[in-house]
PDB file of all heavy atoms in Angstrom:
ATOM      1  N   TRP A   1      -2.584  -5.354  18.930  1.00  0.00           N
ATOM      2  CA  TRP A   1      -2.349  -6.556  18.023  1.00  0.00           C
ATOM      3  C   TRP A   1      -2.741  -6.156  16.629  1.00  0.00           C
ATOM      4  O   TRP A   1      -1.976  -6.499  15.666  1.00  0.00           O
ATOM      5  CB  TRP A   1      -3.127  -7.760  18.543  1.00  0.00           C
ATOM      6  CG  TRP A   1      -2.494  -8.467  19.673  1.00  0.00           C
ATOM      7  CD1 TRP A   1      -1.256  -8.273  20.223  1.00  0.00           C
ATOM      8  CD2 TRP A   1      -3.097  -9.501  20.553  1.00  0.00           C
ATOM      9  NE1 TRP A   1      -0.991  -9.118  21.256  1.00  0.00           N
ATOM     10  CE2 TRP A   1      -2.034  -9.848  21.504  1.00  0.00           C
ATOM     11  CE3 TRP A   1      -4.312 -10.091  20.496  1.00  0.00           C
ATOM     12  CZ2 TRP A   1      -2.346 -10.815  22.438  1.00  0.00           C
ATOM     13  CZ3 TRP A   1      -4.563 -11.070  21.405  1.00  0.00           C
ATOM     14  CH2 TRP A   1      -3.584 -11.402  22.420  1.00  0.00           C
ATOM     15  N   LEU A   2      -3.903  -5.553  16.456  1.00  0.00           N
ATOM     16  CA  LEU A   2      -4.347  -5.168  15.130  1.00  0.00           C
ATOM     17  C   LEU A   2      -3.409  -4.206  14.556  1.00  0.00           C
ATOM     18  O   LEU A   2      -3.060  -4.262  13.323  1.00  0.00           O
ATOM     19  CB  LEU A   2      -5.774  -4.517  15.191  1.00  0.00           C
ATOM     20  CG  LEU A   2      -6.910  -5.560  15.262  1.00  0.00           C
ATOM     21  CD1 LEU A   2      -8.249  -4.741  15.440  1.00  0.00           C
ATOM     22  CD2 LEU A   2      -7.002  -6.452  13.958  1.00  0.00           C
ATOM     23  N   HIS A   3      -2.970  -3.233  15.290  1.00  0.00           N
ATOM     24  CA  HIS A   3      -1.950  -2.226  14.693  1.00  0.00           C
ATOM     25  C   HIS A   3      -0.675  -3.004  14.359  1.00  0.00           C
ATOM     26  O   HIS A   3      -0.088  -2.749  13.269  1.00  0.00           O
ATOM     27  CB  HIS A   3      -1.702  -1.123  15.701  1.00  0.00           C
ATOM     28  CG  HIS A   3      -0.659  -0.252  15.246  1.00  0.00           C
ATOM     29  ND1 HIS A   3       0.676  -0.336  15.539  1.00  0.00           N
ATOM     30  CD2 HIS A   3      -0.713   0.933  14.415  1.00  0.00           C
ATOM     31  CE1 HIS A   3       1.372   0.672  15.008  1.00  0.00           C
ATOM     32  NE2 HIS A   3       0.508   1.360  14.347  1.00  0.00           N
ATOM     33  N   GLY A   4      -0.222  -3.919  15.271  1.00  0.00           N
ATOM     34  CA  GLY A   4       0.973  -4.643  14.979  1.00  0.00           C
ATOM     35  C   GLY A   4       0.855  -5.474  13.666  1.00  0.00           C
ATOM     36  O   GLY A   4       1.840  -5.583  12.903  1.00  0.00           O
ATOM     37  N   LEU A   5      -0.360  -6.054  13.438  1.00  0.00           N
ATOM     38  CA  LEU A   5      -0.548  -6.873  12.285  1.00  0.00           C
ATOM     39  C   LEU A   5      -0.436  -6.009  11.019  1.00  0.00           C
ATOM     40  O   LEU A   5       0.207  -6.411  10.011  1.00  0.00           O
ATOM     41  CB  LEU A   5      -1.920  -7.449  12.345  1.00  0.00           C
ATOM     42  CG  LEU A   5      -2.337  -8.339  11.081  1.00  0.00           C
ATOM     43  CD1 LEU A   5      -1.321  -9.566  10.891  1.00  0.00           C
ATOM     44  CD2 LEU A   5      -3.828  -8.882  11.298  1.00  0.00           C
ATOM     45  N   HIS A   6      -1.119  -4.808  11.048  1.00  0.00           N
ATOM     46  CA  HIS A   6      -0.920  -3.990   9.827  1.00  0.00           C
ATOM     47  C   HIS A   6       0.519  -3.402   9.679  1.00  0.00           C
ATOM     48  O   HIS A   6       0.923  -3.213   8.507  1.00  0.00           O
ATOM     49  CB  HIS A   6      -1.933  -2.782  10.065  1.00  0.00           C
ATOM     50  CG  HIS A   6      -3.423  -3.153   9.792  1.00  0.00           C
ATOM     51  ND1 HIS A   6      -4.227  -3.474  10.826  1.00  0.00           N
ATOM     52  CD2 HIS A   6      -4.093  -3.290   8.690  1.00  0.00           C
ATOM     53  CE1 HIS A   6      -5.386  -3.812  10.386  1.00  0.00           C
ATOM     54  NE2 HIS A   6      -5.405  -3.654   9.054  1.00  0.00           N
ATOM     55  N   LEU A   7       1.178  -3.173  10.787  1.00  0.00           N
ATOM     56  CA  LEU A   7       2.518  -2.715  10.643  1.00  0.00           C
ATOM     57  C   LEU A   7       3.451  -3.769  10.154  1.00  0.00           C
ATOM     58  O   LEU A   7       4.386  -3.507   9.376  1.00  0.00           O
ATOM     59  CB  LEU A   7       2.951  -2.168  12.051  1.00  0.00           C
ATOM     60  CG  LEU A   7       4.266  -1.341  11.893  1.00  0.00           C
ATOM     61  CD1 LEU A   7       4.125   0.010  12.639  1.00  0.00           C
ATOM     62  CD2 LEU A   7       5.494  -2.064  12.442  1.00  0.00           C
ATOM     63  N   PHE A   8       3.192  -5.010  10.512  1.00  0.00           N
ATOM     64  CA  PHE A   8       3.926  -6.144  10.015  1.00  0.00           C
ATOM     65  C   PHE A   8       3.757  -6.213   8.492  1.00  0.00           C
ATOM     66  O   PHE A   8       4.727  -6.410   7.679  1.00  0.00           O
ATOM     67  CB  PHE A   8       3.429  -7.448  10.554  1.00  0.00           C
ATOM     68  CG  PHE A   8       4.147  -8.709   9.972  1.00  0.00           C
ATOM     69  CD1 PHE A   8       5.394  -9.018  10.383  1.00  0.00           C
ATOM     70  CD2 PHE A   8       3.416  -9.493   9.005  1.00  0.00           C
ATOM     71  CE1 PHE A   8       6.029 -10.154   9.808  1.00  0.00           C
ATOM     72  CE2 PHE A   8       4.038 -10.583   8.474  1.00  0.00           C
ATOM     73  CZ  PHE A   8       5.345 -10.939   8.849  1.00  0.00           C
ATOM     74  N   GLY A   9       2.536  -5.926   7.986  1.00  0.00           N
ATOM     75  CA  GLY A   9       2.318  -5.885   6.524  1.00  0.00           C
ATOM     76  C   GLY A   9       3.110  -4.788   5.870  1.00  0.00           C
ATOM     77  O   GLY A   9       3.668  -4.882   4.767  1.00  0.00           O
ATOM     78  N   GLY A  10       3.231  -3.626   6.670  1.00  0.00           N
ATOM     79  CA  GLY A  10       3.998  -2.541   6.159  1.00  0.00           C
ATOM     80  C   GLY A  10       5.467  -2.858   6.057  1.00  0.00           C
ATOM     81  O   GLY A  10       6.111  -2.510   5.070  1.00  0.00           O
ATOM     82  N   VAL A  11       5.997  -3.587   7.043  1.00  0.00           N
ATOM     83  CA  VAL A  11       7.389  -4.004   7.000  1.00  0.00           C
ATOM     84  C   VAL A  11       7.676  -4.904   5.862  1.00  0.00           C
ATOM     85  O   VAL A  11       8.706  -4.756   5.061  1.00  0.00           O
ATOM     86  CB  VAL A  11       7.791  -4.676   8.315  1.00  0.00           C
ATOM     87  CG1 VAL A  11       9.203  -5.291   8.156  1.00  0.00           C
ATOM     88  CG2 VAL A  11       7.809  -3.627   9.453  1.00  0.00           C
ATOM     89  N   VAL A  12       6.701  -5.810   5.580  1.00  0.00           N
ATOM     90  CA  VAL A  12       6.872  -6.700   4.399  1.00  0.00           C
ATOM     91  C   VAL A  12       6.888  -5.917   3.104  1.00  0.00           C
ATOM     92  O   VAL A  12       7.753  -6.222   2.209  1.00  0.00           O
ATOM     93  CB  VAL A  12       5.702  -7.728   4.378  1.00  0.00           C
ATOM     94  CG1 VAL A  12       5.702  -8.535   3.058  1.00  0.00           C
ATOM     95  CG2 VAL A  12       5.760  -8.733   5.573  1.00  0.00           C
ATOM     96  N   SER A  13       6.039  -4.941   2.937  1.00  0.00           N
ATOM     97  CA  SER A  13       6.024  -4.097   1.757  1.00  0.00           C
ATOM     98  C   SER A  13       7.290  -3.330   1.619  1.00  0.00           C
ATOM     99  O   SER A  13       7.819  -3.126   0.490  1.00  0.00           O
ATOM    100  CB  SER A  13       4.795  -3.171   1.740  1.00  0.00           C
ATOM    101  OG  SER A  13       4.902  -2.217   2.740  1.00  0.00           O
ATOM    102  N   MET A  14       7.804  -2.896   2.742  1.00  0.00           N
ATOM    103  CA  MET A  14       9.118  -2.136   2.770  1.00  0.00           C
ATOM    104  C   MET A  14      10.263  -3.089   2.306  1.00  0.00           C
ATOM    105  O   MET A  14      11.117  -2.561   1.533  1.00  0.00           O
ATOM    106  CB  MET A  14       9.446  -1.559   4.124  1.00  0.00           C
ATOM    107  CG  MET A  14       8.486  -0.396   4.551  1.00  0.00           C
ATOM    108  SD  MET A  14       8.771   0.139   6.236  1.00  0.00           S
ATOM    109  CE  MET A  14      10.329   1.022   6.064  1.00  0.00           C
ATOM    110  N   ILE A  15      10.277  -4.258   2.714  1.00  0.00           N
ATOM    111  CA  ILE A  15      11.259  -5.216   2.314  1.00  0.00           C
ATOM    112  C   ILE A  15      11.212  -5.475   0.749  1.00  0.00           C
ATOM    113  O   ILE A  15      12.211  -5.563   0.047  1.00  0.00           O
ATOM    114  CB  ILE A  15      11.172  -6.496   3.074  1.00  0.00           C
ATOM    115  CG1 ILE A  15      11.558  -6.246   4.598  1.00  0.00           C
ATOM    116  CG2 ILE A  15      12.126  -7.594   2.525  1.00  0.00           C
ATOM    117  CD1 ILE A  15      11.338  -7.420   5.449  1.00  0.00           C
ATOM    118  N   TYR A  16       9.993  -5.630   0.302  1.00  0.00           N
ATOM    119  CA  TYR A  16       9.723  -5.809  -1.101  1.00  0.00           C
ATOM    120  C   TYR A  16      10.332  -4.570  -1.951  1.00  0.00           C
ATOM    121  O   TYR A  16      10.957  -4.834  -2.948  1.00  0.00           O
ATOM    122  CB  TYR A  16       8.258  -6.003  -1.378  1.00  0.00           C
ATOM    123  CG  TYR A  16       7.872  -6.134  -2.849  1.00  0.00           C
ATOM    124  CD1 TYR A  16       8.155  -7.279  -3.553  1.00  0.00           C
ATOM    125  CD2 TYR A  16       7.264  -5.064  -3.528  1.00  0.00           C
ATOM    126  CE1 TYR A  16       7.791  -7.395  -4.927  1.00  0.00           C
ATOM    127  CE2 TYR A  16       6.892  -5.097  -4.876  1.00  0.00           C
ATOM    128  CZ  TYR A  16       7.231  -6.305  -5.529  1.00  0.00           C
ATOM    129  OH  TYR A  16       6.852  -6.331  -6.906  1.00  0.00           O
ATOM    130  N   VAL A  17       9.934  -3.444  -1.453  1.00  0.00           N
ATOM    131  CA  VAL A  17      10.349  -2.193  -2.247  1.00  0.00           C
ATOM    132  C   VAL A  17      11.899  -2.094  -2.120  1.00  0.00           C
ATOM    133  O   VAL A  17      12.583  -1.728  -3.109  1.00  0.00           O
ATOM    134  CB  VAL A  17       9.768  -0.947  -1.555  1.00  0.00           C
ATOM    135  CG1 VAL A  17      10.401   0.299  -2.071  1.00  0.00           C
ATOM    136  CG2 VAL A  17       8.210  -0.935  -1.911  1.00  0.00           C
ATOM    137  N   LEU A  18      12.477  -2.440  -1.000  1.00  0.00           N
ATOM    138  CA  LEU A  18      13.895  -2.394  -0.796  1.00  0.00           C
ATOM    139  C   LEU A  18      14.635  -3.362  -1.735  1.00  0.00           C
ATOM    140  O   LEU A  18      15.634  -3.038  -2.331  1.00  0.00           O
ATOM    141  CB  LEU A  18      14.281  -2.681   0.655  1.00  0.00           C
ATOM    142  CG  LEU A  18      15.764  -2.514   1.066  1.00  0.00           C
ATOM    143  CD1 LEU A  18      16.246  -1.137   0.800  1.00  0.00           C
ATOM    144  CD2 LEU A  18      16.018  -2.872   2.452  1.00  0.00           C
ATOM    145  N   MET A  19      14.094  -4.548  -1.871  1.00  0.00           N
ATOM    146  CA  MET A  19      14.687  -5.510  -2.820  1.00  0.00           C
ATOM    147  C   MET A  19      14.677  -4.975  -4.260  1.00  0.00           C
ATOM    148  O   MET A  19      15.634  -5.194  -4.965  1.00  0.00           O
ATOM    149  CB  MET A  19      13.889  -6.853  -2.659  1.00  0.00           C
ATOM    150  CG  MET A  19      14.100  -7.629  -1.401  1.00  0.00           C
ATOM    151  SD  MET A  19      13.063  -9.132  -1.312  1.00  0.00           S
ATOM    152  CE  MET A  19      13.737 -10.045  -2.624  1.00  0.00           C
ATOM    153  N   LYS A  20      13.618  -4.372  -4.641  1.00  0.00           N
ATOM    154  CA  LYS A  20      13.490  -3.792  -5.964  1.00  0.00           C
ATOM    155  C   LYS A  20      14.481  -2.618  -6.084  1.00  0.00           C
ATOM    156  O   LYS A  20      15.121  -2.428  -7.173  1.00  0.00           O
ATOM    157  CB  LYS A  20      12.094  -3.258  -6.308  1.00  0.00           C
ATOM    158  CG  LYS A  20      11.040  -4.401  -6.403  1.00  0.00           C
ATOM    159  CD  LYS A  20       9.743  -3.933  -6.742  1.00  0.00           C
ATOM    160  CE  LYS A  20       9.625  -3.488  -8.214  1.00  0.00           C
ATOM    161  NZ  LYS A  20       8.246  -3.077  -8.577  1.00  0.00           N
ATOM    162  N   ALA A  21      14.623  -1.791  -4.989  1.00  0.00           N
ATOM    163  CA  ALA A  21      15.586  -0.718  -5.040  1.00  0.00           C
ATOM    164  C   ALA A  21      16.982  -1.254  -5.248  1.00  0.00           C
ATOM    165  O   ALA A  21      17.871  -0.601  -5.926  1.00  0.00           O
ATOM    166  CB  ALA A  21      15.446   0.095  -3.810  1.00  0.00           C
ATOM    167  N   LEU A  22      17.331  -2.240  -4.568  1.00  0.00           N
ATOM    168  CA  LEU A  22      18.688  -2.860  -4.677  1.00  0.00           C
ATOM    169  C   LEU A  22      19.028  -3.322  -6.120  1.00  0.00           C
ATOM    170  O   LEU A  22      20.120  -3.418  -6.538  1.00  0.00           O
ATOM    171  CB  LEU A  22      18.852  -4.029  -3.736  1.00  0.00           C
ATOM    172  CG  LEU A  22      18.805  -3.575  -2.242  1.00  0.00           C
ATOM    173  CD1 LEU A  22      18.918  -4.930  -1.326  1.00  0.00           C
ATOM    174  CD2 LEU A  22      20.037  -2.741  -1.896  1.00  0.00           C
ATOM    175  N   LYS A  23      17.922  -3.645  -6.868  1.00  0.00           N
ATOM    176  CA  LYS A  23      18.080  -4.035  -8.242  1.00  0.00           C
ATOM    177  C   LYS A  23      18.068  -2.770  -9.212  1.00  0.00           C
ATOM    178  O   LYS A  23      18.069  -2.983 -10.403  1.00  0.00           O
ATOM    179  CB  LYS A  23      16.958  -4.961  -8.676  1.00  0.00           C
ATOM    180  CG  LYS A  23      17.072  -6.298  -7.930  1.00  0.00           C
ATOM    181  CD  LYS A  23      15.917  -7.221  -8.303  1.00  0.00           C
ATOM    182  CE  LYS A  23      15.911  -8.517  -7.568  1.00  0.00           C
ATOM    183  NZ  LYS A  23      14.836  -9.440  -7.949  1.00  0.00           N
ATOM    184  N   GLY A  24      18.019  -1.567  -8.665  1.00  0.00           N
ATOM    185  CA  GLY A  24      18.042  -0.389  -9.428  1.00  0.00           C
ATOM    186  C   GLY A  24      16.760   0.038 -10.031  1.00  0.00           C
ATOM    187  O   GLY A  24      16.637   0.719 -11.070  1.00  0.00           O
ATOM    188  N   PHE A  25      15.592  -0.454  -9.460  1.00  0.00           N
ATOM    189  CA  PHE A  25      14.316  -0.146 -10.109  1.00  0.00           C
ATOM    190  C   PHE A  25      13.809   1.246  -9.950  1.00  0.00           C
ATOM    191  O   PHE A  25      13.190   1.759 -10.843  1.00  0.00           O
ATOM    192  CB  PHE A  25      13.256  -1.142  -9.444  1.00  0.00           C
ATOM    193  CG  PHE A  25      11.989  -1.110 -10.125  1.00  0.00           C
ATOM    194  CD1 PHE A  25      11.692  -1.819 -11.316  1.00  0.00           C
ATOM    195  CD2 PHE A  25      10.929  -0.418  -9.518  1.00  0.00           C
ATOM    196  CE1 PHE A  25      10.463  -1.770 -11.916  1.00  0.00           C
ATOM    197  CE2 PHE A  25       9.675  -0.317 -10.179  1.00  0.00           C
ATOM    198  CZ  PHE A  25       9.413  -0.981 -11.326  1.00  0.00           C
ATOM    199  N   TYR A  26      14.249   1.870  -8.802  1.00  0.00           N
ATOM    200  CA  TYR A  26      13.655   3.238  -8.496  1.00  0.00           C
ATOM    201  C   TYR A  26      14.619   4.364  -8.834  1.00  0.00           C
ATOM    202  O   TYR A  26      15.905   4.211  -8.664  1.00  0.00           O
ATOM    203  CB  TYR A  26      13.241   3.251  -7.065  1.00  0.00           C
ATOM    204  CG  TYR A  26      12.112   2.275  -6.712  1.00  0.00           C
ATOM    205  CD1 TYR A  26      12.364   1.201  -5.873  1.00  0.00           C
ATOM    206  CD2 TYR A  26      10.792   2.481  -7.216  1.00  0.00           C
ATOM    207  CE1 TYR A  26      11.381   0.335  -5.666  1.00  0.00           C
ATOM    208  CE2 TYR A  26       9.866   1.571  -6.920  1.00  0.00           C
ATOM    209  CZ  TYR A  26      10.077   0.445  -6.129  1.00  0.00           C
ATOM    210  OH  TYR A  26       9.143  -0.431  -5.823  1.00  0.00           O
ATOM    211  N   ASN A  27      14.086   5.484  -9.289  1.00  0.00           N
ATOM    212  CA  ASN A  27      14.810   6.734  -9.426  1.00  0.00           C
ATOM    213  C   ASN A  27      13.823   7.882  -9.310  1.00  0.00           C
ATOM    214  O   ASN A  27      12.697   7.670  -8.955  1.00  0.00           O
ATOM    215  CB  ASN A  27      15.488   6.712 -10.767  1.00  0.00           C
ATOM    216  CG  ASN A  27      14.600   6.473 -11.897  1.00  0.00           C
ATOM    217  OD1 ASN A  27      13.588   7.075 -12.044  1.00  0.00           O
ATOM    218  ND2 ASN A  27      14.898   5.463 -12.726  1.00  0.00           N
ATOM    219  N   SER A  28      14.267   9.035  -9.603  1.00  0.00           N
ATOM    220  CA  SER A  28      13.427  10.214  -9.395  1.00  0.00           C
ATOM    221  C   SER A  28      12.251  10.253 -10.268  1.00  0.00           C
ATOM    222  O   SER A  28      11.210  10.912  -9.969  1.00  0.00           O
ATOM    223  CB  SER A  28      14.263  11.456  -9.622  1.00  0.00           C
ATOM    224  OG  SER A  28      14.740  11.500 -10.964  1.00  0.00           O
TER     225      SER A  28
END
């Protein structure tokens, strides 16, 4: 459960990064 909780936080951060990526925020 503890691992799942931290991994859920990781998924949330991935979604946040992905949303910024879709707006063209990231590059090399």
